[in-house]
Amino acid sequence: MRRTNIKDVFAEAVQLHRVGRWASAAAAYRRVLLVSPKHISALLNLGQLLGRDGNLAEAAALFDRAVKADPHNAAAWERLGDALVKLRQLDKAEEALRKAVVLVPGSSLCWCSLGYVFLESNRWTESEAASREAVRLDPDRLHAWNNLGYALIAQKRWLEAEEALRRAILIDPTQREIWRNLSRALLGQNRAAEAEKVILKARSVTRPQPSEPTLHSISQQNADCLVSRCLTHEGRQLSLSVDDVRSLHAMAMHGSVKRPGAFRTGSIAMLGGIIFPPSWKEIPALMSECCMYLNTEWFSSDLFHLGAYALWRISAIHPFEDGNGRIARSLCLGLMRAKDARMRACDRSSDILVKDRMKYIARLSEADQLFEQTREIRLSTLPVEGWLREVFKGYC
């Protein structure tokens, strides 16, 4: 295979990856690696696919090949560390994650993973330091707050642990482990009655049903983490794929739909049959265009245009049988929060966007009508952009 052919095969693999044809994408990446064994992007992308399927050992081997081929590639070290943590190879994971944070000291995810490694090794002060750095970089890093609380409990610093764990609960109150850790922090302060109530709370905690319009009908943390993983070059570039959007749907709708993460395979009507989304056969191409637009416009466009576009286009394409609104709203807010850190001060749940549901639907309908008339994206998003500015007035 000639060099030009390698480039073409890799481009084909990426396209297959983006539209969710994962087995075909993996096969194409392997063809690239047969000819060019040190192709960094092919190694990382194939490793990501294998890790998603649970083939962690093979994924780790590919990431290891990547760091050997390019020891200065921070993404390769980060992914290697994450895979090794899941494989419970903590010593090797620590080595990989330490190299990752040297290369990218501003990665909250790397510091969080490193804090977990220290926690599992009973190195409480080191876990505390790493977890504090993770939450300093990203105040909404749920697992970092939980790790910090556990590390403080181990040091018998009960009140500080309680503060960290209550912060975690504010982010996501549906995690039983955090409630249990909070009960330990309360017991350490001889507050047995409160601890008992917390234990009862932990036992009663369940994920809300998808149909319930609650503040936690979807995990905004998943969307925030997804966007964070897709950012490169110190946040100046976005690399969001169709595969990423499907993964977000799979996490949000697991146990609630028959095929989480799968595009619909039939027609569907919205708003009582008033609006008809495009044919299911067009979904892969339309979603690919949607992701490409966000990636291309990430650096030059403001947060309201990016958020409005994601909210409108995913709602209009309606790629899934159920959960489209939740995915559109969580991705909208995730993009806006990543674009401007001041947005992190707002209600962390995407359900803030449907407090006035009639206005929400009306603005999306206006955008659809404008696009039908003009085919101009920036003109079409204006009604949604204006509405988002009203919703988030005062945050940025």
Protein backbone atom coordinates (compact mmCIF):
# COMPACT_ATOMS: atom_id res chain seq x y z
CA MET A 1 0.00 0.00 0.00
CA ARG A 2 1.48 3.35 -1.02
CA ARG A 3 1.61 6.39 1.25
CA THR A 4 -1.27 8.05 -0.60
CA ASN A 5 -3.33 4.89 -0.20
CA ILE A 6 -2.62 4.85 3.56
CA LYS A 7 -3.99 8.37 3.78
CA ASP A 8 -7.13 7.38 1.87
CA VAL A 9 -7.70 4.23 3.96
CA PHE A 10 -7.26 6.20 7.19
CA ALA A 11 -9.72 8.85 5.99
CA GLU A 12 -12.19 6.06 5.19
CA ALA A 13 -11.66 4.56 8.66
CA VAL A 14 -12.35 7.90 10.33
CA GLN A 15 -15.54 8.37 8.31
CA LEU A 16 -16.73 4.87 9.24
CA HIS A 17 -15.89 5.63 12.87
CA ARG A 18 -17.89 8.86 12.79
CA VAL A 19 -21.04 7.26 11.41
CA GLY A 20 -20.97 4.45 13.96
CA ARG A 21 -19.81 1.58 11.72
CA TRP A 22 -17.33 0.52 14.34
CA ALA A 23 -16.42 -2.97 13.10
CA SER A 24 -15.68 -1.66 9.60
CA ALA A 25 -13.71 1.24 11.06
CA ALA A 26 -11.62 -1.12 13.18
CA ALA A 27 -10.84 -3.26 10.14
CA ALA A 28 -9.75 -0.19 8.19
CA TYR A 29 -7.52 1.04 11.04
CA ARG A 30 -5.88 -2.41 11.13
CA ARG A 31 -5.16 -2.17 7.39
CA VAL A 32 -3.41 1.14 8.00
CA LEU A 33 -1.33 -0.34 10.83
CA LEU A 34 -0.25 -3.31 8.74
CA VAL A 35 1.57 -0.91 6.44
CA SER A 36 2.37 1.88 8.93
CA PRO A 37 2.72 0.30 12.42
CA LYS A 38 3.54 3.67 14.05
CA HIS A 39 0.55 5.58 12.71
CA ILE A 40 -0.39 7.39 15.94
CA SER A 41 -3.96 8.35 15.09
CA ALA A 42 -4.78 4.84 13.86
CA LEU A 43 -3.34 3.34 17.04
CA LEU A 44 -5.34 5.69 19.27
CA ASN A 45 -8.60 5.38 17.34
CA LEU A 46 -8.44 1.60 17.13
CA GLY A 47 -7.58 1.42 20.82
CA GLN A 48 -10.60 3.57 21.60
CA LEU A 49 -12.88 1.21 19.67
CA LEU A 50 -11.43 -1.88 21.34
CA GLY A 51 -11.72 -0.33 24.79
CA ARG A 52 -15.36 0.51 24.10
CA ASP A 53 -15.98 -3.16 23.33
CA GLY A 54 -14.23 -4.28 26.53
CA ASN A 55 -10.99 -5.46 24.88
CA LEU A 56 -8.91 -3.51 27.38
CA ALA A 57 -5.72 -5.56 27.13
CA GLU A 58 -5.50 -5.13 23.36
CA ALA A 59 -6.44 -1.46 23.68
CA ALA A 60 -3.67 -0.91 26.24
CA ALA A 61 -1.18 -2.64 23.94
CA LEU A 62 -2.09 -0.25 21.12
CA PHE A 63 -1.78 2.79 23.39
CA ASP A 64 1.60 1.46 24.54
CA ARG A 65 2.72 1.26 20.92
CA ALA A 66 1.58 4.85 20.46
CA VAL A 67 3.60 6.23 23.38
CA LYS A 68 6.66 4.35 22.20
CA ALA A 69 6.23 5.80 18.73
CA ASP A 70 5.68 9.32 20.10
CA PRO A 71 6.71 9.76 23.76
CA HIS A 72 5.46 13.37 23.71
CA ASN A 73 1.87 12.53 22.79
CA ALA A 74 -0.20 13.44 25.84
CA ALA A 75 -3.40 11.83 24.55
CA ALA A 76 -1.60 8.50 24.13
CA TRP A 77 -0.27 8.56 27.70
CA GLU A 78 -3.70 9.56 29.05
CA ARG A 79 -5.50 6.74 27.25
CA LEU A 80 -2.84 4.24 28.25
CA GLY A 81 -3.21 5.29 31.87
CA ASP A 82 -7.00 5.01 31.75
CA ALA A 83 -6.83 1.51 30.21
CA LEU A 84 -4.29 0.35 32.79
CA VAL A 85 -6.47 1.65 35.63
CA LYS A 86 -9.37 -0.43 34.31
CA LEU A 87 -7.03 -3.43 34.05
CA ARG A 88 -6.01 -2.84 37.70
CA GLN A 89 -2.35 -2.44 36.70
CA LEU A 90 -1.97 0.50 39.04
CA ASP A 91 1.82 0.88 39.06
CA LYS A 92 1.96 1.10 35.28
CA ALA A 93 -1.11 3.34 35.26
CA GLU A 94 0.55 5.76 37.67
CA GLU A 95 3.65 5.96 35.46
CA ALA A 96 1.56 6.70 32.36
CA LEU A 97 -0.66 9.28 34.08
CA ARG A 98 2.34 11.08 35.62
CA LYS A 99 3.78 11.50 32.15
CA ALA A 100 0.40 12.70 30.87
CA VAL A 101 0.07 15.46 33.49
CA VAL A 102 3.62 16.62 32.81
CA LEU A 103 2.72 17.04 29.14
CA VAL A 104 -0.75 18.49 29.84
CA PRO A 105 -0.82 19.82 33.42
CA GLY A 106 -4.25 21.36 32.81
CA SER A 107 -6.05 18.04 32.29
CA SER A 108 -8.59 17.61 35.09
CA LEU A 109 -9.36 14.09 33.90
CA CYS A 110 -5.71 12.99 34.21
CA TRP A 111 -5.43 14.40 37.74
CA CYS A 112 -8.69 12.69 38.70
CA SER A 113 -7.43 9.33 37.40
CA LEU A 114 -4.14 9.81 39.20
CA GLY A 115 -5.99 10.58 42.42
CA TYR A 116 -7.91 7.33 42.05
CA VAL A 117 -4.68 5.36 41.56
CA PHE A 118 -3.28 6.85 44.77
CA LEU A 119 -6.55 6.10 46.55
CA GLU A 120 -6.39 2.45 45.56
CA SER A 121 -2.81 2.33 46.84
CA ASN A 122 -3.78 3.84 50.24
CA ARG A 123 -1.64 6.90 49.56
CA TRP A 124 -4.10 9.32 51.08
CA THR A 125 -2.18 12.60 51.01
CA GLU A 126 -1.12 12.10 47.40
CA SER A 127 -4.69 11.22 46.44
CA GLU A 128 -5.92 14.34 48.21
CA ALA A 129 -3.43 16.55 46.35
CA ALA A 130 -4.24 15.07 42.94
CA SER A 131 -8.00 15.23 43.55
CA ARG A 132 -7.80 18.85 44.69
CA GLU A 133 -5.96 19.73 41.49
CA ALA A 134 -8.65 17.94 39.46
CA VAL A 135 -11.48 19.93 41.04
CA ARG A 136 -9.49 23.16 40.82
CA LEU A 137 -9.27 22.66 37.07
CA ASP A 138 -12.88 21.46 36.77
CA PRO A 139 -15.15 22.19 39.75
CA ASP A 140 -17.77 19.79 38.38
CA ARG A 141 -15.54 16.71 38.24
CA LEU A 142 -17.82 14.39 40.23
CA HIS A 143 -15.45 11.48 40.84
CA ALA A 144 -12.64 13.80 41.90
CA TRP A 145 -14.83 15.22 44.68
CA ASN A 146 -15.75 11.69 45.78
CA ASN A 147 -12.10 10.58 45.73
CA LEU A 148 -11.16 13.66 47.72
CA GLY A 149 -13.85 12.92 50.30
CA TYR A 150 -12.65 9.34 50.69
CA ALA A 151 -9.01 10.41 51.04
CA LEU A 152 -9.99 12.90 53.75
CA ILE A 153 -12.04 10.26 55.59
CA ALA A 154 -8.97 8.01 55.62
CA GLN A 155 -7.06 10.87 57.28
CA LYS A 156 -9.93 11.38 59.78
CA ARG A 157 -10.52 14.91 58.55
CA TRP A 158 -14.24 14.40 58.85
CA LEU A 159 -15.58 17.92 58.34
CA GLU A 160 -13.49 18.54 55.21
CA ALA A 161 -14.60 15.16 53.88
CA GLU A 162 -18.25 16.06 54.50
CA GLU A 163 -17.82 19.33 52.57
CA ALA A 164 -16.24 17.54 49.59
CA LEU A 165 -18.91 14.84 49.49
CA ARG A 166 -21.77 17.29 49.77
CA ARG A 167 -20.26 19.12 46.80
CA ALA A 168 -20.31 15.83 44.87
CA ILE A 169 -23.96 15.25 45.79
CA LEU A 170 -24.88 18.69 44.45
CA ILE A 171 -23.41 17.61 41.12
CA ASP A 172 -25.18 14.24 41.01
CA PRO A 173 -27.35 13.05 43.92
CA THR A 174 -28.02 9.66 42.32
CA GLN A 175 -24.67 8.05 43.20
CA ARG A 176 -25.12 5.68 46.16
CA GLU A 177 -21.39 5.40 46.83
CA ILE A 178 -21.17 9.13 47.56
CA TRP A 179 -24.07 8.96 50.03
CA ARG A 180 -22.39 6.02 51.80
CA ASN A 181 -19.12 7.92 52.03
CA LEU A 182 -20.99 10.91 53.44
CA SER A 183 -22.45 8.68 56.16
CA ARG A 184 -18.90 7.66 57.14
CA ALA A 185 -17.87 11.31 57.39
CA LEU A 186 -20.86 12.02 59.64
CA LEU A 187 -20.17 9.00 61.86
CA GLY A 188 -16.62 10.25 62.31
CA GLN A 189 -18.13 13.42 63.82
CA ASN A 190 -20.43 11.39 66.12
CA ARG A 191 -23.49 12.52 64.17
CA ALA A 192 -25.08 9.06 64.16
CA ALA A 193 -28.68 10.17 63.62
CA GLU A 194 -27.74 12.16 60.52
CA ALA A 195 -25.60 9.28 59.28
CA GLU A 196 -28.55 6.91 59.59
CA LYS A 197 -30.73 9.22 57.51
CA VAL A 198 -28.01 9.37 54.86
CA ILE A 199 -27.78 5.57 54.77
CA LEU A 200 -31.54 5.36 54.24
CA LYS A 201 -31.17 7.94 51.48
CA ALA A 202 -28.46 5.85 49.81
CA ARG A 203 -30.71 2.80 49.84
CA SER A 204 -33.60 4.70 48.30
CA VAL A 205 -31.62 6.45 45.58
CA THR A 206 -32.65 5.43 42.08
CA ARG A 207 -32.05 6.93 38.67
CA PRO A 208 -35.10 8.99 37.57
CA GLN A 209 -37.25 7.64 34.77
CA PRO A 210 -36.40 9.23 31.41
CA SER A 211 -39.94 10.56 31.01
CA GLU A 212 -39.73 12.62 34.18
CA PRO A 213 -38.73 16.24 33.53
CA THR A 214 -36.43 16.39 36.56
CA LEU A 215 -33.14 18.22 36.94
CA HIS A 216 -31.35 14.89 36.62
CA SER A 217 -33.26 13.27 33.76
CA ILE A 218 -29.89 13.05 32.01
CA SER A 219 -26.38 13.11 33.40
CA GLN A 220 -24.95 16.46 32.35
CA GLN A 221 -21.63 15.24 33.70
CA ASN A 222 -21.44 12.71 30.85
CA ALA A 223 -21.88 15.47 28.29
CA ASP A 224 -19.35 17.72 30.03
CA CYS A 225 -16.79 14.92 30.16
CA LEU A 226 -17.47 14.00 26.53
CA VAL A 227 -16.83 17.54 25.29
CA SER A 228 -13.74 17.79 27.48
CA ARG A 229 -12.31 14.61 25.92
CA CYS A 230 -12.98 15.98 22.44
CA LEU A 231 -10.99 19.17 23.06
CA THR A 232 -7.36 19.43 21.97
CA HIS A 233 -4.66 22.09 21.68
CA GLU A 234 -5.57 23.68 25.03
CA GLY A 235 -9.24 23.89 24.11
CA ARG A 236 -8.74 25.60 20.75
CA GLN A 237 -9.90 22.61 18.68
CA LEU A 238 -12.93 20.35 18.98
CA SER A 239 -13.02 16.84 17.55
CA LEU A 240 -16.60 15.64 18.12
CA SER A 241 -17.73 12.57 16.17
CA VAL A 242 -21.03 10.83 15.48
CA ASP A 243 -19.67 7.98 17.55
CA ASP A 244 -19.36 10.37 20.51
CA VAL A 245 -22.99 11.49 20.23
CA ARG A 246 -24.16 7.88 20.05
CA SER A 247 -22.06 7.07 23.10
CA LEU A 248 -23.70 9.94 24.99
CA HIS A 249 -27.14 8.55 24.10
CA ALA A 250 -26.09 5.05 25.19
CA MET A 251 -25.00 6.35 28.62
CA ALA A 252 -28.09 8.50 29.11
CA MET A 253 -30.67 5.97 27.92
CA HIS A 254 -29.16 2.69 29.10
CA GLY A 255 -31.94 0.53 30.51
CA SER A 256 -34.63 2.89 29.19
CA VAL A 257 -34.74 2.01 25.49
CA LYS A 258 -34.23 -1.21 23.56
CA ARG A 259 -31.25 0.03 21.56
CA PRO A 260 -29.31 2.70 23.47
CA GLY A 261 -26.87 4.50 21.20
CA ALA A 262 -28.50 3.22 18.00
CA PHE A 263 -30.01 5.49 15.36
CA ARG A 264 -33.69 5.05 14.57
CA THR A 265 -34.56 2.82 11.62
CA GLY A 266 -37.94 4.22 10.72
CA SER A 267 -39.98 7.41 10.37
CA ILE A 268 -41.17 9.39 13.37
CA ALA A 269 -43.36 12.46 13.90
CA MET A 270 -42.81 15.22 16.45
CA LEU A 271 -45.14 17.75 18.08
CA GLY A 272 -48.26 15.76 17.32
CA GLY A 273 -47.36 15.19 13.70
CA ILE A 274 -46.70 18.86 12.88
CA ILE A 275 -42.98 18.38 12.24
CA PHE A 276 -41.55 15.38 10.39
CA PRO A 277 -37.79 14.79 10.80
CA PRO A 278 -35.71 13.60 7.83
CA SER A 279 -35.69 9.98 6.69
CA TRP A 280 -33.79 7.59 8.90
CA LYS A 281 -31.59 6.77 5.91
CA GLU A 282 -30.21 10.33 5.97
CA ILE A 283 -29.31 10.33 9.67
CA PRO A 284 -25.64 9.17 9.47
CA ALA A 285 -24.77 11.80 6.86
CA LEU A 286 -26.71 14.58 8.61
CA MET A 287 -25.17 13.81 11.99
CA SER A 288 -21.72 13.73 10.41
CA GLU A 289 -22.40 17.20 8.95
CA CYS A 290 -23.60 18.39 12.36
CA CYS A 291 -20.43 17.25 14.14
CA MET A 292 -18.22 18.61 11.37
CA TYR A 293 -19.89 22.02 11.63
CA LEU A 294 -19.33 22.19 15.38
CA ASN A 295 -15.69 21.16 14.96
CA THR A 296 -15.08 23.71 12.21
CA GLU A 297 -16.83 26.57 14.01
CA TRP A 298 -15.52 25.82 17.50
CA PHE A 299 -12.69 28.36 17.57
CA SER A 300 -14.34 31.24 15.69
CA SER A 301 -17.95 31.09 16.96
CA ASP A 302 -19.28 32.16 20.34
CA LEU A 303 -20.88 29.86 22.89
CA PHE A 304 -24.45 30.88 22.06
CA HIS A 305 -24.14 30.06 18.36
CA LEU A 306 -22.48 26.70 19.10
CA GLY A 307 -25.04 25.79 21.74
CA ALA A 308 -27.95 26.94 19.56
CA TYR A 309 -26.73 24.98 16.57
CA ALA A 310 -26.28 21.74 18.55
CA LEU A 311 -29.68 22.12 20.22
CA TRP A 312 -31.51 22.90 16.99
CA ARG A 313 -29.84 20.46 14.59
CA ILE A 314 -29.97 17.38 16.81
CA SER A 315 -33.59 18.17 17.65
CA ALA A 316 -34.38 18.63 13.94
CA ILE A 317 -32.57 15.50 12.77
CA HIS A 318 -34.10 13.50 15.62
CA PRO A 319 -31.57 10.68 15.18
CA PHE A 320 -32.83 8.39 17.96
CA GLU A 321 -36.18 6.79 18.66
CA ASP A 322 -36.30 8.42 22.11
CA GLY A 323 -34.17 10.77 24.19
CA ASN A 324 -33.37 13.23 21.37
CA GLY A 325 -34.30 16.30 23.39
CA ARG A 326 -32.24 15.20 26.35
CA ILE A 327 -29.18 14.57 24.20
CA ALA A 328 -29.60 17.87 22.35
CA ARG A 329 -29.94 19.86 25.58
CA SER A 330 -27.08 18.16 27.42
CA LEU A 331 -24.71 18.57 24.47
CA CYS A 332 -25.80 22.20 24.03
CA LEU A 333 -24.99 23.03 27.64
CA GLY A 334 -21.82 20.91 27.60
CA LEU A 335 -20.47 22.85 24.61
CA MET A 336 -21.37 26.21 26.16
CA ARG A 337 -19.75 25.33 29.48
CA ALA A 338 -16.57 24.18 27.72
CA LYS A 339 -16.47 27.32 25.57
CA ASP A 340 -16.82 29.74 28.50
CA ALA A 341 -15.89 28.72 32.06
CA ARG A 342 -18.29 31.29 33.51
CA MET A 343 -21.16 29.07 32.38
CA ARG A 344 -20.15 26.56 35.04
CA ALA A 345 -21.78 28.78 37.62
CA CYS A 346 -25.22 28.14 36.15
CA ASP A 347 -27.59 25.29 36.95
CA ARG A 348 -25.54 22.28 35.92
CA SER A 349 -28.51 20.37 34.53
CA SER A 350 -29.64 20.79 30.93
CA ASP A 351 -33.25 20.67 32.16
CA ILE A 352 -32.94 24.40 32.85
CA LEU A 353 -33.59 24.75 29.12
CA VAL A 354 -37.16 23.40 29.35
CA LYS A 355 -38.42 25.42 32.30
CA ASP A 356 -40.45 27.33 29.70
CA ARG A 357 -41.25 24.45 27.37
CA MET A 358 -43.56 26.40 25.05
CA LYS A 359 -40.88 29.00 24.31
CA TYR A 360 -38.30 26.23 23.90
CA ILE A 361 -40.40 24.48 21.24
CA ALA A 362 -41.36 27.74 19.55
CA ARG A 363 -37.74 28.83 19.05
CA LEU A 364 -36.75 25.45 17.61
CA SER A 365 -39.72 25.59 15.24
CA GLU A 366 -38.70 29.10 14.11
CA ALA A 367 -35.21 27.83 13.36
CA ASP A 368 -36.64 24.94 11.31
CA GLN A 369 -38.83 27.30 9.28
CA LEU A 370 -35.97 29.72 8.61
CA PHE A 371 -33.70 26.93 7.48
CA GLU A 372 -36.40 25.56 5.19
CA GLN A 373 -36.74 29.01 3.59
CA THR A 374 -33.10 30.14 3.43
CA ARG A 375 -30.78 27.12 3.98
CA GLU A 376 -28.58 29.61 5.87
CA ILE A 377 -27.32 28.14 9.15
CA ARG A 378 -26.34 31.38 10.90
CA LEU A 379 -29.63 33.04 10.07
CA SER A 380 -31.61 29.98 11.10
CA THR A 381 -30.01 29.70 14.55
CA LEU A 382 -30.76 33.32 15.51
CA PRO A 383 -34.10 32.61 17.28
CA VAL A 384 -32.47 29.91 19.41
CA GLU A 385 -29.39 32.04 20.09
CA GLY A 386 -31.55 34.92 21.32
CA TRP A 387 -33.53 32.60 23.57
CA LEU A 388 -30.33 31.09 25.04
CA ARG A 389 -29.05 34.58 25.84
CA GLU A 390 -32.27 35.21 27.78
CA VAL A 391 -32.04 31.90 29.67
CA PHE A 392 -28.39 32.40 30.68
CA LYS A 393 -28.46 36.16 31.18
CA GLY A 394 -26.08 37.09 33.98
CA TYR A 395 -23.78 34.09 33.68
CA CYS A 396 -21.47 35.47 31.01
